PDB file of N, CA and C in Angstrom:
ATOM      1  N   UNK A   1       0.845  -1.177   0.000  1.00  0.00           N
ATOM      2  CA  UNK A   1       0.000   0.000   0.000  1.00  0.00           C
ATOM      3  C   UNK A   1       0.892   1.242   0.000  1.00  0.00           C
ATOM      4  N   UNK A   2       0.616   2.154  -0.885  1.00  0.00           N
ATOM      5  CA  UNK A   2       1.404   3.378  -1.015  1.00  0.00           C
ATOM      6  C   UNK A   2       0.932   4.438  -0.035  1.00  0.00           C
ATOM      7  N   UNK A   3       1.892   5.214   0.496  1.00  0.00           N
ATOM      8  CA  UNK A   3       1.554   6.300   1.416  1.00  0.00           C
ATOM      9  C   UNK A   3       1.359   7.613   0.679  1.00  0.00           C
ATOM     10  N   UNK A   4       1.443   7.612  -0.626  1.00  0.00           N
ATOM     11  CA  UNK A   4       1.286   8.830  -1.405  1.00  0.00           C
ATOM     12  C   UNK A   4       2.633   9.409  -1.789  1.00  0.00           C
ATOM     13  N   UNK A   5       2.593  10.574  -2.440  1.00  0.00           N
ATOM     14  CA  UNK A   5       3.827  11.179  -2.919  1.00  0.00           C
ATOM     15  C   UNK A   5       4.757  11.580  -1.772  1.00  0.00           C
ATOM     16  N   UNK A   6       6.062  11.582  -2.054  1.00  0.00           N
ATOM     17  CA  UNK A   6       7.047  11.960  -1.045  1.00  0.00           C
ATOM     18  C   UNK A   6       7.087  13.478  -0.873  1.00  0.00           C
ATOM     19  N   UNK A   7       7.851  13.928   0.122  1.00  0.00           N
ATOM     20  CA  UNK A   7       7.935  15.361   0.446  1.00  0.00           C
ATOM     21  C   UNK A   7       8.450  16.179  -0.728  1.00  0.00           C
ATOM     22  N   UNK A   8       9.395  15.637  -1.480  1.00  0.00           N
ATOM     23  CA  UNK A   8       9.928  16.355  -2.633  1.00  0.00           C
ATOM     24  C   UNK A   8       8.881  16.589  -3.696  1.00  0.00           C
ATOM     25  N   UNK A   9       8.077  15.582  -3.974  1.00  0.00           N
ATOM     26  CA  UNK A   9       7.031  15.699  -4.991  1.00  0.00           C
ATOM     27  C   UNK A   9       5.972  16.706  -4.578  1.00  0.00           C
ATOM     28  N   UNK A  10       5.526  16.658  -3.339  1.00  0.00           N
ATOM     29  CA  UNK A  10       4.474  17.590  -2.918  1.00  0.00           C
ATOM     30  C   UNK A  10       5.006  19.014  -2.826  1.00  0.00           C
ATOM     31  N   UNK A  11       6.289  19.190  -2.476  1.00  0.00           N
ATOM     32  CA  UNK A  11       6.868  20.531  -2.461  1.00  0.00           C
ATOM     33  C   UNK A  11       6.931  21.091  -3.877  1.00  0.00           C
ATOM     34  N   UNK A  12       7.371  20.300  -4.840  1.00  0.00           N
ATOM     35  CA  UNK A  12       7.416  20.747  -6.240  1.00  0.00           C
ATOM     36  C   UNK A  12       6.029  21.175  -6.699  1.00  0.00           C
ATOM     37  N   UNK A  13       5.022  20.375  -6.411  1.00  0.00           N
ATOM     38  CA  UNK A  13       3.650  20.714  -6.814  1.00  0.00           C
ATOM     39  C   UNK A  13       3.186  22.018  -6.165  1.00  0.00           C
ATOM     40  N   UNK A  14       3.512  22.213  -4.891  1.00  0.00           N
ATOM     41  CA  UNK A  14       3.113  23.433  -4.181  1.00  0.00           C
ATOM     42  C   UNK A  14       3.802  24.662  -4.763  1.00  0.00           C
ATOM     43  N   UNK A  15       5.078  24.547  -5.096  1.00  0.00           N
ATOM     44  CA  UNK A  15       5.810  25.670  -5.693  1.00  0.00           C
ATOM     45  C   UNK A  15       5.234  26.003  -7.064  1.00  0.00           C
ATOM     46  N   UNK A  16       4.993  24.994  -7.876  1.00  0.00           N
ATOM     47  CA  UNK A  16       4.418  25.232  -9.209  1.00  0.00           C
ATOM     48  C   UNK A  16       3.056  25.902  -9.105  1.00  0.00           C
ATOM     49  N   UNK A  17       2.204  25.442  -8.203  1.00  0.00           N
ATOM     50  CA  UNK A  17       0.869  26.025  -8.041  1.00  0.00           C
ATOM     51  C   UNK A  17       0.957  27.460  -7.526  1.00  0.00           C
ATOM     52  N   UNK A  18       1.847  27.713  -6.583  1.00  0.00           N
ATOM     53  CA  UNK A  18       1.997  29.051  -6.024  1.00  0.00           C
ATOM     54  C   UNK A  18       2.482  30.026  -7.094  1.00  0.00           C
ATOM     55  N   UNK A  19       3.435  29.624  -7.904  1.00  0.00           N
ATOM     56  CA  UNK A  19       3.941  30.478  -8.984  1.00  0.00           C
ATOM     57  C   UNK A  19       2.853  30.742 -10.021  1.00  0.00           C
ATOM     58  N   UNK A  20       2.099  29.712 -10.370  1.00  0.00           N
ATOM     59  CA  UNK A  20       1.007  29.864 -11.352  1.00  0.00           C
ATOM     60  C   UNK A  20      -0.013  30.866 -10.854  1.00  0.00           C
ATOM     61  N   UNK A  21      -0.383  30.782  -9.569  1.00  0.00           N
ATOM     62  CA  UNK A  21      -1.340  31.743  -8.995  1.00  0.00           C
ATOM     63  C   UNK A  21      -0.787  33.164  -9.001  1.00  0.00           C
ATOM     64  N   UNK A  22       0.542  33.295  -8.907  1.00  0.00           N
ATOM     65  CA  UNK A  22       1.181  34.615  -8.908  1.00  0.00           C
ATOM     66  C   UNK A  22       1.356  35.162 -10.325  1.00  0.00           C
ATOM     67  N   UNK A  23       0.984  34.383 -11.326  1.00  0.00           N
ATOM     68  CA  UNK A  23       1.063  34.846 -12.704  1.00  0.00           C
ATOM     69  C   UNK A  23       2.419  34.645 -13.358  1.00  0.00           C
ATOM     70  N   UNK A  24       3.204  33.739 -12.803  1.00  0.00           N
ATOM     71  CA  UNK A  24       4.535  33.475 -13.377  1.00  0.00           C
ATOM     72  C   UNK A  24       4.821  31.980 -13.344  1.00  0.00           C
ATOM     73  N   UNK A  25       4.205  31.220 -14.226  1.00  0.00           N
ATOM     74  CA  UNK A  25       4.440  29.772 -14.212  1.00  0.00           C
ATOM     75  C   UNK A  25       5.929  29.447 -14.299  1.00  0.00           C
ATOM     76  N   UNK A  26       6.327  28.446 -13.549  1.00  0.00           N
ATOM     77  CA  UNK A  26       7.720  28.005 -13.537  1.00  0.00           C
ATOM     78  C   UNK A  26       7.799  26.562 -13.997  1.00  0.00           C
ATOM     79  N   UNK A  27       8.963  26.195 -14.489  1.00  0.00           N
ATOM     80  CA  UNK A  27       9.239  24.815 -14.871  1.00  0.00           C
ATOM     81  C   UNK A  27      10.346  24.313 -13.955  1.00  0.00           C
ATOM     82  N   UNK A  28      10.070  23.275 -13.204  1.00  0.00           N
ATOM     83  CA  UNK A  28      11.088  22.671 -12.336  1.00  0.00           C
ATOM     84  C   UNK A  28      11.977  21.825 -13.244  1.00  0.00           C
ATOM     85  N   UNK A  29      13.259  22.178 -13.332  1.00  0.00           N
ATOM     86  CA  UNK A  29      14.178  21.462 -14.217  1.00  0.00           C
ATOM     87  C   UNK A  29      14.978  20.397 -13.480  1.00  0.00           C
ATOM     88  N   UNK A  30      15.086  20.524 -12.169  1.00  0.00           N
ATOM     89  CA  UNK A  30      15.789  19.515 -11.368  1.00  0.00           C
ATOM     90  C   UNK A  30      15.352  19.653  -9.918  1.00  0.00           C
ATOM     91  N   UNK A  31      15.298  18.543  -9.223  1.00  0.00           N
ATOM     92  CA  UNK A  31      14.995  18.585  -7.794  1.00  0.00           C
ATOM     93  C   UNK A  31      15.624  17.372  -7.126  1.00  0.00           C
ATOM     94  N   UNK A  32      16.036  17.598  -5.900  1.00  0.00           N
ATOM     95  CA  UNK A  32      16.621  16.516  -5.110  1.00  0.00           C
ATOM     96  C   UNK A  32      16.318  16.798  -3.646  1.00  0.00           C
ATOM     97  N   UNK A  33      16.219  15.764  -2.846  1.00  0.00           N
ATOM     98  CA  UNK A  33      16.001  15.961  -1.423  1.00  0.00           C
ATOM     99  C   UNK A  33      16.677  14.846  -0.648  1.00  0.00           C
ATOM    100  N   UNK A  34      17.029  15.181   0.581  1.00  0.00           N
ATOM    101  CA  UNK A  34      17.624  14.205   1.482  1.00  0.00           C
ATOM    102  C   UNK A  34      16.920  14.296   2.827  1.00  0.00           C
ATOM    103  N   UNK A  35      16.810  13.168   3.479  1.00  0.00           N
ATOM    104  CA  UNK A  35      16.199  13.149   4.806  1.00  0.00           C
ATOM    105  C   UNK A  35      17.039  13.975   5.764  1.00  0.00           C
ATOM    106  N   UNK A  36      16.349  14.571   6.739  1.00  0.00           N
ATOM    107  CA  UNK A  36      16.997  15.428   7.718  1.00  0.00           C
ATOM    108  C   UNK A  36      16.312  15.195   9.057  1.00  0.00           C
ATOM    109  N   UNK A  37      17.085  15.276  10.139  1.00  0.00           N
ATOM    110  CA  UNK A  37      16.494  15.131  11.474  1.00  0.00           C
ATOM    111  C   UNK A  37      17.303  15.940  12.478  1.00  0.00           C
ATOM    112  N   UNK A  38      16.579  16.474  13.459  1.00  0.00           N
ATOM    113  CA  UNK A  38      17.206  17.112  14.611  1.00  0.00           C
ATOM    114  C   UNK A  38      16.773  16.308  15.832  1.00  0.00           C
ATOM    115  N   UNK A  39      17.054  16.801  17.000  1.00  0.00           N
ATOM    116  CA  UNK A  39      16.654  16.094  18.217  1.00  0.00           C
ATOM    117  C   UNK A  39      15.133  16.016  18.352  1.00  0.00           C
ATOM    118  N   UNK A  40      14.419  16.989  17.763  1.00  0.00           N
ATOM    119  CA  UNK A  40      12.965  17.042  17.953  1.00  0.00           C
ATOM    120  C   UNK A  40      12.145  16.950  16.668  1.00  0.00           C
ATOM    121  N   UNK A  41      12.770  17.097  15.503  1.00  0.00           N
ATOM    122  CA  UNK A  41      12.017  17.120  14.246  1.00  0.00           C
ATOM    123  C   UNK A  41      12.637  16.186  13.220  1.00  0.00           C
ATOM    124  N   UNK A  42      11.798  15.712  12.300  1.00  0.00           N
ATOM    125  CA  UNK A  42      12.276  14.989  11.128  1.00  0.00           C
ATOM    126  C   UNK A  42      11.698  15.663   9.901  1.00  0.00           C
ATOM    127  N   UNK A  43      12.396  15.548   8.820  1.00  0.00           N
ATOM    128  CA  UNK A  43      11.929  16.175   7.592  1.00  0.00           C
ATOM    129  C   UNK A  43      12.900  15.931   6.461  1.00  0.00           C
ATOM    130  N   UNK A  44      13.027  16.956   5.592  1.00  0.00           N
ATOM    131  CA  UNK A  44      13.893  16.807   4.426  1.00  0.00           C
ATOM    132  C   UNK A  44      14.459  18.160   4.016  1.00  0.00           C
ATOM    133  N   UNK A  45      15.673  18.125   3.464  1.00  0.00           N
ATOM    134  CA  UNK A  45      16.295  19.291   2.843  1.00  0.00           C
ATOM    135  C   UNK A  45      16.139  19.119   1.330  1.00  0.00           C
ATOM    136  N   UNK A  46      15.739  20.203   0.672  1.00  0.00           N
ATOM    137  CA  UNK A  46      15.439  20.156  -0.758  1.00  0.00           C
ATOM    138  C   UNK A  46      16.305  21.147  -1.520  1.00  0.00           C
ATOM    139  N   UNK A  47      16.712  20.765  -2.707  1.00  0.00           N
ATOM    140  CA  UNK A  47      17.379  21.651  -3.651  1.00  0.00           C
ATOM    141  C   UNK A  47      16.605  21.561  -4.956  1.00  0.00           C
ATOM    142  N   UNK A  48      16.229  22.732  -5.491  1.00  0.00           N
ATOM    143  CA  UNK A  48      15.438  22.752  -6.717  1.00  0.00           C
ATOM    144  C   UNK A  48      16.025  23.743  -7.704  1.00  0.00           C
ATOM    145  N   UNK A  49      15.902  23.424  -8.979  1.00  0.00           N
ATOM    146  CA  UNK A  49      16.259  24.335 -10.060  1.00  0.00           C
ATOM    147  C   UNK A  49      14.989  24.592 -10.869  1.00  0.00           C
ATOM    148  N   UNK A  50      14.755  25.861 -11.198  1.00  0.00           N
ATOM    149  CA  UNK A  50      13.555  26.257 -11.924  1.00  0.00           C
ATOM    150  C   UNK A  50      13.939  27.156 -13.087  1.00  0.00           C
ATOM    151  N   UNK A  51      13.062  27.233 -14.076  1.00  0.00           N
ATOM    152  CA  UNK A  51      13.190  28.212 -15.136  1.00  0.00           C
ATOM    153  C   UNK A  51      11.845  28.877 -15.326  1.00  0.00           C
ATOM    154  N   UNK A  52      11.892  30.159 -15.689  1.00  0.00           N
ATOM    155  CA  UNK A  52      10.669  30.914 -15.950  1.00  0.00           C
ATOM    156  C   UNK A  52      11.015  32.082 -16.853  1.00  0.00           C
ATOM    157  N   UNK A  53      10.015  32.556 -17.576  1.00  0.00           N
ATOM    158  CA  UNK A  53      10.191  33.770 -18.363  1.00  0.00           C
ATOM    159  C   UNK A  53      10.366  34.940 -17.410  1.00  0.00           C
ATOM    160  N   UNK A  54      11.304  35.828 -17.730  1.00  0.00           N
ATOM    161  CA  UNK A  54      11.500  37.017 -16.907  1.00  0.00           C
ATOM    162  C   UNK A  54      10.247  37.886 -16.958  1.00  0.00           C
ATOM    163  N   UNK A  55       9.861  38.407 -15.796  1.00  0.00           N
ATOM    164  CA  UNK A  55       8.707  39.302 -15.727  1.00  0.00           C
ATOM    165  C   UNK A  55       8.690  39.977 -14.363  1.00  0.00           C
ATOM    166  N   UNK A  56       7.914  41.046 -14.268  1.00  0.00           N
ATOM    167  CA  UNK A  56       7.728  41.695 -12.969  1.00  0.00           C
ATOM    168  C   UNK A  56       7.031  40.748 -12.000  1.00  0.00           C
ATOM    169  N   UNK A  57       6.093  39.936 -12.521  1.00  0.00           N
ATOM    170  CA  UNK A  57       5.389  38.970 -11.666  1.00  0.00           C
ATOM    171  C   UNK A  57       6.372  37.961 -11.069  1.00  0.00           C
ATOM    172  N   UNK A  58       7.343  37.514 -11.861  1.00  0.00           N
ATOM    173  CA  UNK A  58       8.346  36.573 -11.357  1.00  0.00           C
ATOM    174  C   UNK A  58       9.174  37.230 -10.263  1.00  0.00           C
ATOM    175  N   UNK A  59       9.611  38.465 -10.496  1.00  0.00           N
ATOM    176  CA  UNK A  59      10.408  39.173  -9.495  1.00  0.00           C
ATOM    177  C   UNK A  59       9.638  39.318  -8.182  1.00  0.00           C
ATOM    178  N   UNK A  60       8.366  39.664  -8.270  1.00  0.00           N
ATOM    179  CA  UNK A  60       7.532  39.807  -7.067  1.00  0.00           C
ATOM    180  C   UNK A  60       7.366  38.464  -6.367  1.00  0.00           C
ATOM    181  N   UNK A  61       7.149  37.421  -7.142  1.00  0.00           N
ATOM    182  CA  UNK A  61       6.967  36.091  -6.563  1.00  0.00           C
ATOM    183  C   UNK A  61       8.233  35.645  -5.829  1.00  0.00           C
ATOM    184  N   UNK A  62       9.391  35.846  -6.467  1.00  0.00           N
ATOM    185  CA  UNK A  62      10.653  35.448  -5.826  1.00  0.00           C
ATOM    186  C   UNK A  62      10.901  36.222  -4.541  1.00  0.00           C
ATOM    187  N   UNK A  63      10.568  37.507  -4.543  1.00  0.00           N
ATOM    188  CA  UNK A  63      10.742  38.325  -3.341  1.00  0.00           C
ATOM    189  C   UNK A  63       9.873  37.815  -2.197  1.00  0.00           C
ATOM    190  N   UNK A  64       8.641  37.433  -2.497  1.00  0.00           N
ATOM    191  CA  UNK A  64       7.708  36.984  -1.465  1.00  0.00           C
ATOM    192  C   UNK A  64       7.786  35.511  -1.123  1.00  0.00           C
ATOM    193  N   UNK A  65       8.534  34.730  -1.903  1.00  0.00           N
ATOM    194  CA  UNK A  65       8.558  33.278  -1.706  1.00  0.00           C
ATOM    195  C   UNK A  65       8.977  32.847  -0.299  1.00  0.00           C
ATOM    196  N   UNK A  66       9.991  33.458   0.327  1.00  0.00           N
ATOM    197  CA  UNK A  66      10.361  33.003   1.679  1.00  0.00           C
ATOM    198  C   UNK A  66       9.236  33.134   2.710  1.00  0.00           C
ATOM    199  N   UNK A  67       8.268  33.998   2.463  1.00  0.00           N
ATOM    200  CA  UNK A  67       7.148  34.173   3.393  1.00  0.00           C
ATOM    201  C   UNK A  67       5.868  33.499   2.910  1.00  0.00           C
ATOM    202  N   UNK A  68       5.912  32.869   1.751  1.00  0.00           N
ATOM    203  CA  UNK A  68       4.708  32.275   1.149  1.00  0.00           C
ATOM    204  C   UNK A  68       4.215  31.076   1.950  1.00  0.00           C
ATOM    205  N   UNK A  69       2.911  30.902   1.958  1.00  0.00           N
ATOM    206  CA  UNK A  69       2.292  29.703   2.523  1.00  0.00           C
ATOM    207  C   UNK A  69       2.288  28.643   1.430  1.00  0.00           C
ATOM    208  N   UNK A  70       3.008  27.571   1.654  1.00  0.00           N
ATOM    209  CA  UNK A  70       3.066  26.475   0.695  1.00  0.00           C
ATOM    210  C   UNK A  70       2.513  25.225   1.375  1.00  0.00           C
ATOM    211  N   UNK A  71       1.213  25.010   1.246  1.00  0.00           N
ATOM    212  CA  UNK A  71       0.611  23.860   1.929  1.00  0.00           C
ATOM    213  C   UNK A  71       1.027  22.544   1.273  1.00  0.00           C
ATOM    214  N   UNK A  72       1.615  21.670   2.073  1.00  0.00           N
ATOM    215  CA  UNK A  72       1.944  20.332   1.596  1.00  0.00           C
ATOM    216  C   UNK A  72       1.501  19.338   2.671  1.00  0.00           C
ATOM    217  N   UNK A  73       0.710  18.396   2.259  1.00  0.00           N
ATOM    218  CA  UNK A  73       0.106  17.431   3.174  1.00  0.00           C
ATOM    219  C   UNK A  73       1.165  16.686   3.983  1.00  0.00           C
ATOM    220  N   UNK A  74       1.009  16.719   5.295  1.00  0.00           N
ATOM    221  CA  UNK A  74       1.879  15.978   6.179  1.00  0.00           C
ATOM    222  C   UNK A  74       3.186  16.667   6.530  1.00  0.00           C
ATOM    223  N   UNK A  75       3.407  17.857   5.981  1.00  0.00           N
ATOM    224  CA  UNK A  75       4.673  18.549   6.195  1.00  0.00           C
ATOM    225  C   UNK A  75       4.419  20.052   6.331  1.00  0.00           C
ATOM    226  N   UNK A  76       5.373  20.731   6.935  1.00  0.00           N
ATOM    227  CA  UNK A  76       5.399  22.186   6.977  1.00  0.00           C
ATOM    228  C   UNK A  76       6.661  22.639   6.254  1.00  0.00           C
ATOM    229  N   UNK A  77       6.560  23.716   5.486  1.00  0.00           N
ATOM    230  CA  UNK A  77       7.752  24.298   4.881  1.00  0.00           C
ATOM    231  C   UNK A  77       8.339  25.225   5.940  1.00  0.00           C
ATOM    232  N   UNK A  78       9.417  24.780   6.574  1.00  0.00           N
ATOM    233  CA  UNK A  78      10.020  25.545   7.665  1.00  0.00           C
ATOM    234  C   UNK A  78      10.881  26.682   7.146  1.00  0.00           C
ATOM    235  N   UNK A  79      11.467  26.501   5.950  1.00  0.00           N
ATOM    236  CA  UNK A  79      12.348  27.521   5.392  1.00  0.00           C
ATOM    237  C   UNK A  79      12.434  27.314   3.888  1.00  0.00           C
ATOM    238  N   UNK A  80      12.458  28.417   3.154  1.00  0.00           N
ATOM    239  CA  UNK A  80      12.702  28.352   1.712  1.00  0.00           C
ATOM    240  C   UNK A  80      13.485  29.597   1.330  1.00  0.00           C
ATOM    241  N   UNK A  81      14.567  29.383   0.586  1.00  0.00           N
ATOM    242  CA  UNK A  81      15.488  30.457   0.247  1.00  0.00           C
ATOM    243  C   UNK A  81      15.801  30.410  -1.244  1.00  0.00           C
ATOM    244  N   UNK A  82      15.787  31.574  -1.878  1.00  0.00           N
ATOM    245  CA  UNK A  82      16.248  31.699  -3.262  1.00  0.00           C
ATOM    246  C   UNK A  82      17.766  31.854  -3.183  1.00  0.00           C
ATOM    247  N   UNK A  83      18.507  30.881  -3.683  1.00  0.00           N
ATOM    248  CA  UNK A  83      19.970  30.932  -3.565  1.00  0.00           C
ATOM    249  C   UNK A  83      20.637  31.577  -4.770  1.00  0.00           C
ATOM    250  N   UNK A  84      19.983  31.560  -5.921  1.00  0.00           N
ATOM    251  CA  UNK A  84      20.541  32.258  -7.080  1.00  0.00           C
ATOM    252  C   UNK A  84      19.481  32.473  -8.140  1.00  0.00           C
ATOM    253  N   UNK A  85      19.678  33.549  -8.893  1.00  0.00           N
ATOM    254  CA  UNK A  85      18.845  33.844 -10.057  1.00  0.00           C
ATOM    255  C   UNK A  85      19.797  34.301 -11.156  1.00  0.00           C
ATOM    256  N   UNK A  86      19.776  33.610 -12.267  1.00  0.00           N
ATOM    257  CA  UNK A  86      20.584  33.998 -13.430  1.00  0.00           C
ATOM    258  C   UNK A  86      19.629  34.305 -14.571  1.00  0.00           C
ATOM    259  N   UNK A  87      19.906  35.395 -15.254  1.00  0.00           N
ATOM    260  CA  UNK A  87      19.018  35.844 -16.325  1.00  0.00           C
ATOM    261  C   UNK A  87      19.781  35.891 -17.635  1.00  0.00           C
ATOM    262  N   UNK A  88      19.183  35.345 -18.686  1.00  0.00           N
ATOM    263  CA  UNK A  88      19.773  35.373 -20.019  1.00  0.00           C
ATOM    264  C   UNK A  88      18.667  35.211 -21.053  1.00  0.00           C
ATOM    265  N   UNK A  89      18.662  36.104 -22.020  1.00  0.00           N
ATOM    266  CA  UNK A  89      17.749  36.011 -23.164  1.00  0.00           C
ATOM    267  C   UNK A  89      16.293  35.860 -22.744  1.00  0.00           C
ATOM    268  N   UNK A  90      15.888  36.612 -21.715  1.00  0.00           N
ATOM    269  CA  UNK A  90      14.490  36.616 -21.295  1.00  0.00           C
ATOM    270  C   UNK A  90      14.065  35.463 -20.412  1.00  0.00           C
ATOM    271  N   UNK A  91      15.013  34.612 -20.027  1.00  0.00           N
ATOM    272  CA  UNK A  91      14.697  33.455 -19.182  1.00  0.00           C
ATOM    273  C   UNK A  91      15.499  33.553 -17.887  1.00  0.00           C
ATOM    274  N   UNK A  92      14.833  33.317 -16.777  1.00  0.00           N
ATOM    275  CA  UNK A  92      15.486  33.291 -15.468  1.00  0.00           C
ATOM    276  C   UNK A  92      15.677  31.831 -15.053  1.00  0.00           C
ATOM    277  N   UNK A  93      16.881  31.515 -14.607  1.00  0.00           N
ATOM    278  CA  UNK A  93      17.191  30.209 -14.051  1.00  0.00           C
ATOM    279  C   UNK A  93      17.394  30.422 -12.560  1.00  0.00           C
ATOM    280  N   UNK A  94      16.602  29.730 -11.760  1.00  0.00           N
ATOM    281  CA  UNK A  94      16.519  29.979 -10.325  1.00  0.00           C
ATOM    282  C   UNK A  94      16.908  28.719  -9.567  1.00  0.00           C
ATOM    283  N   UNK A  95      17.593  28.903  -8.475  1.00  0.00           N
ATOM    284  CA  UNK A  95      17.901  27.798  -7.564  1.00  0.00           C
ATOM    285  C   UNK A  95      17.286  28.111  -6.203  1.00  0.00           C
ATOM    286  N   UNK A  96      16.634  27.121  -5.625  1.00  0.00           N
ATOM    287  CA  UNK A  96      16.003  27.245  -4.313  1.00  0.00           C
ATOM    288  C   UNK A  96      16.524  26.162  -3.386  1.00  0.00           C
ATOM    289  N   UNK A  97      16.537  26.476  -2.100  1.00  0.00           N
ATOM    290  CA  UNK A  97      16.759  25.471  -1.059  1.00  0.00           C
ATOM    291  C   UNK A  97      15.597  25.579  -0.087  1.00  0.00           C
ATOM    292  N   UNK A  98      15.123  24.452   0.376  1.00  0.00           N
ATOM    293  CA  UNK A  98      13.987  24.441   1.305  1.00  0.00           C
ATOM    294  C   UNK A  98      14.214  23.372   2.364  1.00  0.00           C
ATOM    295  N   UNK A  99      13.555  23.591   3.494  1.00  0.00           N
ATOM    296  CA  UNK A  99      13.543  22.623   4.577  1.00  0.00           C
ATOM    297  C   UNK A  99      12.086  22.335   4.897  1.00  0.00           C
ATOM    298  N   UNK A 100      11.698  21.059   4.827  1.00  0.00           N
ATOM    299  CA  UNK A 100      10.351  20.668   5.232  1.00  0.00           C
ATOM    300  C   UNK A 100      10.447  19.824   6.489  1.00  0.00           C
ATOM    301  N   UNK A 101       9.433  19.965   7.336  1.00  0.00           N
ATOM    302  CA  UNK A 101       9.372  19.255   8.608  1.00  0.00           C
ATOM    303  C   UNK A 101       8.077  18.449   8.631  1.00  0.00           C
ATOM    304  N   UNK A 102       8.175  17.192   9.024  1.00  0.00           N
ATOM    305  CA  UNK A 102       6.975  16.359   9.112  1.00  0.00           C
ATOM    306  C   UNK A 102       6.097  16.811  10.255  1.00  0.00           C
ATOM    307  N   UNK A 103       4.781  16.836   9.994  1.00  0.00           N
ATOM    308  CA  UNK A 103       3.823  17.220  11.049  1.00  0.00           C
ATOM    309  C   UNK A 103       3.576  16.058  11.981  1.00  0.00           C
TER     310      UNK A 103
END
Protein backbone atom coordinates (compact mmCIF):
# COMPACT_ATOMS: atom_id res chain seq x y z
CA UNK A 1 0.00 0.00 0.00
CA UNK A 2 1.40 3.38 -1.01
CA UNK A 3 1.55 6.30 1.42
CA UNK A 4 1.29 8.83 -1.41
CA UNK A 5 3.83 11.18 -2.92
CA UNK A 6 7.05 11.96 -1.04
CA UNK A 7 7.94 15.36 0.45
CA UNK A 8 9.93 16.35 -2.63
CA UNK A 9 7.03 15.70 -4.99
CA UNK A 10 4.47 17.59 -2.92
CA UNK A 11 6.87 20.53 -2.46
CA UNK A 12 7.42 20.75 -6.24
CA UNK A 13 3.65 20.71 -6.81
CA UNK A 14 3.11 23.43 -4.18
CA UNK A 15 5.81 25.67 -5.69
CA UNK A 16 4.42 25.23 -9.21
CA UNK A 17 0.87 26.02 -8.04
CA UNK A 18 2.00 29.05 -6.02
CA UNK A 19 3.94 30.48 -8.98
CA UNK A 20 1.01 29.86 -11.35
CA UNK A 21 -1.34 31.74 -8.99
CA UNK A 22 1.18 34.62 -8.91
CA UNK A 23 1.06 34.85 -12.70
CA UNK A 24 4.53 33.47 -13.38
CA UNK A 25 4.44 29.77 -14.21
CA UNK A 26 7.72 28.00 -13.54
CA UNK A 27 9.24 24.82 -14.87
CA UNK A 28 11.09 22.67 -12.34
CA UNK A 29 14.18 21.46 -14.22
CA UNK A 30 15.79 19.51 -11.37
CA UNK A 31 15.00 18.59 -7.79
CA UNK A 32 16.62 16.52 -5.11
CA UNK A 33 16.00 15.96 -1.42
CA UNK A 34 17.62 14.20 1.48
CA UNK A 35 16.20 13.15 4.81
CA UNK A 36 17.00 15.43 7.72
CA UNK A 37 16.49 15.13 11.47
CA UNK A 38 17.21 17.11 14.61
CA UNK A 39 16.65 16.09 18.22
CA UNK A 40 12.97 17.04 17.95
CA UNK A 41 12.02 17.12 14.25
CA UNK A 42 12.28 14.99 11.13
CA UNK A 43 11.93 16.18 7.59
CA UNK A 44 13.89 16.81 4.43
CA UNK A 45 16.29 19.29 2.84
CA UNK A 46 15.44 20.16 -0.76
CA UNK A 47 17.38 21.65 -3.65
CA UNK A 48 15.44 22.75 -6.72
CA UNK A 49 16.26 24.33 -10.06
CA UNK A 50 13.56 26.26 -11.92
CA UNK A 51 13.19 28.21 -15.14
CA UNK A 52 10.67 30.91 -15.95
CA UNK A 53 10.19 33.77 -18.36
CA UNK A 54 11.50 37.02 -16.91
CA UNK A 55 8.71 39.30 -15.73
CA UNK A 56 7.73 41.69 -12.97
CA UNK A 57 5.39 38.97 -11.67
CA UNK A 58 8.35 36.57 -11.36
CA UNK A 59 10.41 39.17 -9.49
CA UNK A 60 7.53 39.81 -7.07
CA UNK A 61 6.97 36.09 -6.56
CA UNK A 62 10.65 35.45 -5.83
CA UNK A 63 10.74 38.33 -3.34
CA UNK A 64 7.71 36.98 -1.47
CA UNK A 65 8.56 33.28 -1.71
CA UNK A 66 10.36 33.00 1.68
CA UNK A 67 7.15 34.17 3.39
CA UNK A 68 4.71 32.28 1.15
CA UNK A 69 2.29 29.70 2.52
CA UNK A 70 3.07 26.48 0.70
CA UNK A 71 0.61 23.86 1.93
CA UNK A 72 1.94 20.33 1.60
CA UNK A 73 0.11 17.43 3.17
CA UNK A 74 1.88 15.98 6.18
CA UNK A 75 4.67 18.55 6.20
CA UNK A 76 5.40 22.19 6.98
CA UNK A 77 7.75 24.30 4.88
CA UNK A 78 10.02 25.54 7.67
CA UNK A 79 12.35 27.52 5.39
CA UNK A 80 12.70 28.35 1.71
CA UNK A 81 15.49 30.46 0.25
CA UNK A 82 16.25 31.70 -3.26
CA UNK A 83 19.97 30.93 -3.57
CA UNK A 84 20.54 32.26 -7.08
CA UNK A 85 18.85 33.84 -10.06
CA UNK A 86 20.58 34.00 -13.43
CA UNK A 87 19.02 35.84 -16.33
CA UNK A 88 19.77 35.37 -20.02
CA UNK A 89 17.75 36.01 -23.16
CA UNK A 90 14.49 36.62 -21.30
CA UNK A 91 14.70 33.46 -19.18
CA UNK A 92 15.49 33.29 -15.47
CA UNK A 93 17.19 30.21 -14.05
CA UNK A 94 16.52 29.98 -10.33
CA UNK A 95 17.90 27.80 -7.56
CA UNK A 96 16.00 27.25 -4.31
CA UNK A 97 16.76 25.47 -1.06
CA UNK A 98 13.99 24.44 1.31
CA UNK A 99 13.54 22.62 4.58
CA UNK A 100 10.35 20.67 5.23
CA UNK A 101 9.37 19.26 8.61
CA UNK A 102 6.97 16.36 9.11
CA UNK A 103 3.82 17.22 11.05
